[in-house]
Amino acid sequence: MQKIINTLAVLSFAMSGALVGTSFYAFSKLPEIKEKAIDEAKALVGELVSGAVTDAMPSQVKEMMPALPTQTGPALPF
């Protein structure tokens, strides 16, 4: 019975050590992971926005452009 308890204690210690080691590694790499995720998000959003603007731009520009005058009036007096 004592051997089983000792084995469980050793396994518990090993699991705790692995958890602490993994947590320390992840915490030390967190700035790199966060920066990479932010860069990927910026690239994705940039592609989506530029695609949406490019698709919507011709129709929006055509609607907003005023008609060009065919004649001009006299010069403005100073």
N, C-alpha and C. Protein backbone atom coordinates (compact mmCIF):
# COMPACT_ATOMS: atom_id res chain seq x y z
N MET A 1 0.82 -1.18 0.00
CA MET A 1 0.00 0.00 0.00
C MET A 1 0.88 1.26 0.00
N GLN A 2 1.97 1.20 0.75
CA GLN A 2 2.87 2.34 0.82
C GLN A 2 3.51 2.62 -0.53
N LYS A 3 3.81 1.56 -1.31
CA LYS A 3 4.39 1.74 -2.64
C LYS A 3 3.43 2.47 -3.57
N ILE A 4 2.15 2.16 -3.47
CA ILE A 4 1.14 2.81 -4.31
C ILE A 4 1.06 4.30 -3.95
N ILE A 5 1.04 4.62 -2.69
CA ILE A 5 0.96 6.00 -2.25
C ILE A 5 2.21 6.76 -2.68
N ASN A 6 3.38 6.14 -2.55
CA ASN A 6 4.62 6.79 -2.98
C ASN A 6 4.62 7.02 -4.50
N THR A 7 4.13 6.05 -5.25
CA THR A 7 4.05 6.19 -6.71
C THR A 7 3.12 7.33 -7.07
N LEU A 8 1.97 7.41 -6.41
CA LEU A 8 1.04 8.51 -6.67
C LEU A 8 1.64 9.86 -6.30
N ALA A 9 2.41 9.89 -5.23
CA ALA A 9 3.06 11.13 -4.82
C ALA A 9 4.10 11.57 -5.85
N VAL A 10 4.88 10.63 -6.36
CA VAL A 10 5.88 10.95 -7.39
C VAL A 10 5.19 11.42 -8.66
N LEU A 11 4.11 10.75 -9.07
CA LEU A 11 3.37 11.16 -10.26
C LEU A 11 2.76 12.56 -10.07
N SER A 12 2.25 12.82 -8.90
CA SER A 12 1.68 14.13 -8.61
C SER A 12 2.76 15.21 -8.67
N PHE A 13 3.91 14.93 -8.11
CA PHE A 13 5.02 15.88 -8.17
C PHE A 13 5.45 16.13 -9.62
N ALA A 14 5.52 15.06 -10.42
CA ALA A 14 5.92 15.20 -11.82
C ALA A 14 4.88 16.02 -12.59
N MET A 15 3.61 15.78 -12.34
CA MET A 15 2.56 16.54 -13.03
C MET A 15 2.61 18.01 -12.62
N SER A 16 2.82 18.27 -11.35
CA SER A 16 2.92 19.66 -10.88
C SER A 16 4.12 20.35 -11.50
N GLY A 17 5.23 19.67 -11.57
CA GLY A 17 6.43 20.24 -12.19
C GLY A 17 6.22 20.52 -13.66
N ALA A 18 5.56 19.59 -14.35
CA ALA A 18 5.27 19.80 -15.77
C ALA A 18 4.34 20.99 -15.95
N LEU A 19 3.36 21.13 -15.10
CA LEU A 19 2.43 22.26 -15.19
C LEU A 19 3.15 23.59 -14.94
N VAL A 20 4.01 23.62 -13.93
CA VAL A 20 4.76 24.84 -13.64
C VAL A 20 5.71 25.17 -14.79
N GLY A 21 6.39 24.17 -15.30
CA GLY A 21 7.32 24.39 -16.42
C GLY A 21 6.59 24.87 -17.67
N THR A 22 5.49 24.26 -17.99
CA THR A 22 4.71 24.66 -19.16
C THR A 22 4.15 26.07 -18.98
N SER A 23 3.68 26.37 -17.79
CA SER A 23 3.14 27.70 -17.52
C SER A 23 4.24 28.76 -17.65
N PHE A 24 5.41 28.48 -17.11
CA PHE A 24 6.53 29.42 -17.22
C PHE A 24 6.93 29.62 -18.67
N TYR A 25 7.00 28.56 -19.45
CA TYR A 25 7.35 28.65 -20.87
C TYR A 25 6.31 29.48 -21.62
N ALA A 26 5.03 29.19 -21.39
CA ALA A 26 3.97 29.93 -22.08
C ALA A 26 3.97 31.40 -21.67
N PHE A 27 4.20 31.66 -20.39
CA PHE A 27 4.22 33.05 -19.93
C PHE A 27 5.40 33.81 -20.51
N SER A 28 6.53 33.14 -20.68
CA SER A 28 7.70 33.80 -21.24
C SER A 28 7.54 34.04 -22.74
N LYS A 29 6.76 33.22 -23.42
CA LYS A 29 6.52 33.38 -24.86
C LYS A 29 5.28 34.21 -25.16
N LEU A 30 4.54 34.65 -24.15
CA LEU A 30 3.29 35.37 -24.35
C LEU A 30 3.44 36.63 -25.19
N PRO A 31 4.44 37.48 -24.97
CA PRO A 31 4.56 38.68 -25.82
C PRO A 31 4.76 38.34 -27.30
N GLU A 32 5.55 37.32 -27.59
CA GLU A 32 5.75 36.92 -28.98
C GLU A 32 4.46 36.40 -29.59
N ILE A 33 3.75 35.58 -28.84
CA ILE A 33 2.49 35.01 -29.33
C ILE A 33 1.47 36.12 -29.57
N LYS A 34 1.40 37.06 -28.62
CA LYS A 34 0.45 38.15 -28.75
C LYS A 34 0.79 39.03 -29.95
N GLU A 35 2.06 39.35 -30.13
CA GLU A 35 2.49 40.19 -31.25
C GLU A 35 2.21 39.51 -32.58
N LYS A 36 2.45 38.21 -32.65
CA LYS A 36 2.18 37.47 -33.88
C LYS A 36 0.69 37.47 -34.18
N ALA A 37 -0.15 37.28 -33.17
CA ALA A 37 -1.60 37.28 -33.37
C ALA A 37 -2.08 38.66 -33.81
N ILE A 38 -1.52 39.72 -33.24
CA ILE A 38 -1.91 41.08 -33.63
C ILE A 38 -1.50 41.35 -35.07
N ASP A 39 -0.31 40.94 -35.46
CA ASP A 39 0.14 41.15 -36.83
C ASP A 39 -0.73 40.39 -37.83
N GLU A 40 -1.08 39.15 -37.49
CA GLU A 40 -1.95 38.37 -38.36
C GLU A 40 -3.34 39.01 -38.47
N ALA A 41 -3.85 39.51 -37.36
CA ALA A 41 -5.16 40.15 -37.38
C ALA A 41 -5.12 41.43 -38.21
N LYS A 42 -4.04 42.22 -38.07
CA LYS A 42 -3.92 43.44 -38.87
C LYS A 42 -3.87 43.12 -40.35
N ALA A 43 -3.13 42.09 -40.71
CA ALA A 43 -3.03 41.71 -42.12
C ALA A 43 -4.38 41.25 -42.65
N LEU A 44 -5.08 40.45 -41.86
CA LEU A 44 -6.39 39.95 -42.29
C LEU A 44 -7.39 41.07 -42.43
N VAL A 45 -7.44 41.96 -41.44
CA VAL A 45 -8.37 43.08 -41.50
C VAL A 45 -8.02 44.01 -42.66
N GLY A 46 -6.74 44.23 -42.87
CA GLY A 46 -6.32 45.07 -44.00
C GLY A 46 -6.77 44.51 -45.33
N GLU A 47 -6.63 43.20 -45.51
CA GLU A 47 -7.06 42.57 -46.75
C GLU A 47 -8.58 42.67 -46.91
N LEU A 48 -9.31 42.42 -45.83
CA LEU A 48 -10.77 42.48 -45.91
C LEU A 48 -11.26 43.90 -46.20
N VAL A 49 -10.67 44.88 -45.53
CA VAL A 49 -11.10 46.26 -45.73
C VAL A 49 -10.74 46.74 -47.13
N SER A 50 -9.53 46.45 -47.58
CA SER A 50 -9.14 46.90 -48.91
C SER A 50 -9.98 46.23 -49.98
N GLY A 51 -10.32 44.98 -49.78
CA GLY A 51 -11.20 44.30 -50.74
C GLY A 51 -12.60 44.90 -50.75
N ALA A 52 -13.13 45.20 -49.59
CA ALA A 52 -14.47 45.78 -49.50
C ALA A 52 -14.49 47.18 -50.10
N VAL A 53 -13.46 47.97 -49.83
CA VAL A 53 -13.40 49.33 -50.37
C VAL A 53 -13.25 49.28 -51.88
N THR A 54 -12.41 48.40 -52.36
CA THR A 54 -12.20 48.29 -53.80
C THR A 54 -13.48 47.86 -54.51
N ASP A 55 -14.22 46.94 -53.90
CA ASP A 55 -15.47 46.49 -54.51
C ASP A 55 -16.54 47.56 -54.46
N ALA A 56 -16.62 48.32 -53.38
CA ALA A 56 -17.68 49.31 -53.22
C ALA A 56 -17.33 50.65 -53.84
N MET A 57 -16.07 50.91 -54.07
CA MET A 57 -15.63 52.24 -54.49
C MET A 57 -16.20 52.68 -55.84
N PRO A 58 -16.16 51.90 -56.90
CA PRO A 58 -16.63 52.41 -58.20
C PRO A 58 -18.09 52.87 -58.16
N SER A 59 -18.96 52.11 -57.55
CA SER A 59 -20.36 52.52 -57.53
C SER A 59 -20.55 53.74 -56.64
N GLN A 60 -19.84 53.83 -55.52
CA GLN A 60 -19.97 54.98 -54.63
C GLN A 60 -19.43 56.24 -55.31
N VAL A 61 -18.32 56.13 -56.00
CA VAL A 61 -17.73 57.29 -56.65
C VAL A 61 -18.64 57.77 -57.77
N LYS A 62 -19.19 56.87 -58.54
CA LYS A 62 -20.08 57.26 -59.64
C LYS A 62 -21.32 57.96 -59.11
N GLU A 63 -21.84 57.51 -57.98
CA GLU A 63 -23.03 58.14 -57.40
C GLU A 63 -22.71 59.53 -56.85
N MET A 64 -21.53 59.74 -56.30
CA MET A 64 -21.20 61.00 -55.65
C MET A 64 -20.65 62.06 -56.61
N MET A 65 -20.22 61.67 -57.79
CA MET A 65 -19.65 62.62 -58.74
C MET A 65 -20.75 63.50 -59.32
N PRO A 66 -20.59 64.82 -59.23
CA PRO A 66 -21.59 65.70 -59.84
C PRO A 66 -21.42 65.71 -61.35
N ALA A 67 -22.47 66.10 -62.03
CA ALA A 67 -22.39 66.19 -63.49
C ALA A 67 -21.49 67.37 -63.86
N LEU A 68 -20.67 67.19 -64.86
CA LEU A 68 -19.77 68.26 -65.30
C LEU A 68 -20.57 69.30 -66.08
N PRO A 69 -20.32 70.56 -65.83
CA PRO A 69 -21.05 71.60 -66.57
C PRO A 69 -20.59 71.64 -68.02
N THR A 70 -21.53 72.04 -68.87
CA THR A 70 -21.19 72.16 -70.30
C THR A 70 -20.73 73.56 -70.63
N GLN A 71 -21.13 74.55 -69.81
CA GLN A 71 -20.73 75.93 -70.03
C GLN A 71 -20.21 76.49 -68.71
N THR A 72 -19.39 77.51 -68.85
CA THR A 72 -18.91 78.19 -67.65
C THR A 72 -19.41 79.62 -67.67
N GLY A 73 -19.54 80.21 -66.51
CA GLY A 73 -20.01 81.59 -66.43
C GLY A 73 -18.85 82.54 -66.48
N PRO A 74 -19.13 83.82 -66.25
CA PRO A 74 -18.05 84.83 -66.28
C PRO A 74 -17.15 84.67 -65.05
N ALA A 75 -15.99 85.27 -65.15
CA ALA A 75 -15.04 85.21 -64.05
C ALA A 75 -15.60 85.97 -62.85
N LEU A 76 -15.20 85.61 -61.65
CA LEU A 76 -15.67 86.27 -60.46
C LEU A 76 -14.99 87.62 -60.31
N PRO A 77 -15.74 88.64 -59.92
CA PRO A 77 -15.10 89.96 -59.73
C PRO A 77 -14.33 89.99 -58.41
N PHE A 78 -13.26 90.75 -58.36
CA PHE A 78 -12.48 90.88 -57.15
C PHE A 78 -12.86 92.11 -56.42
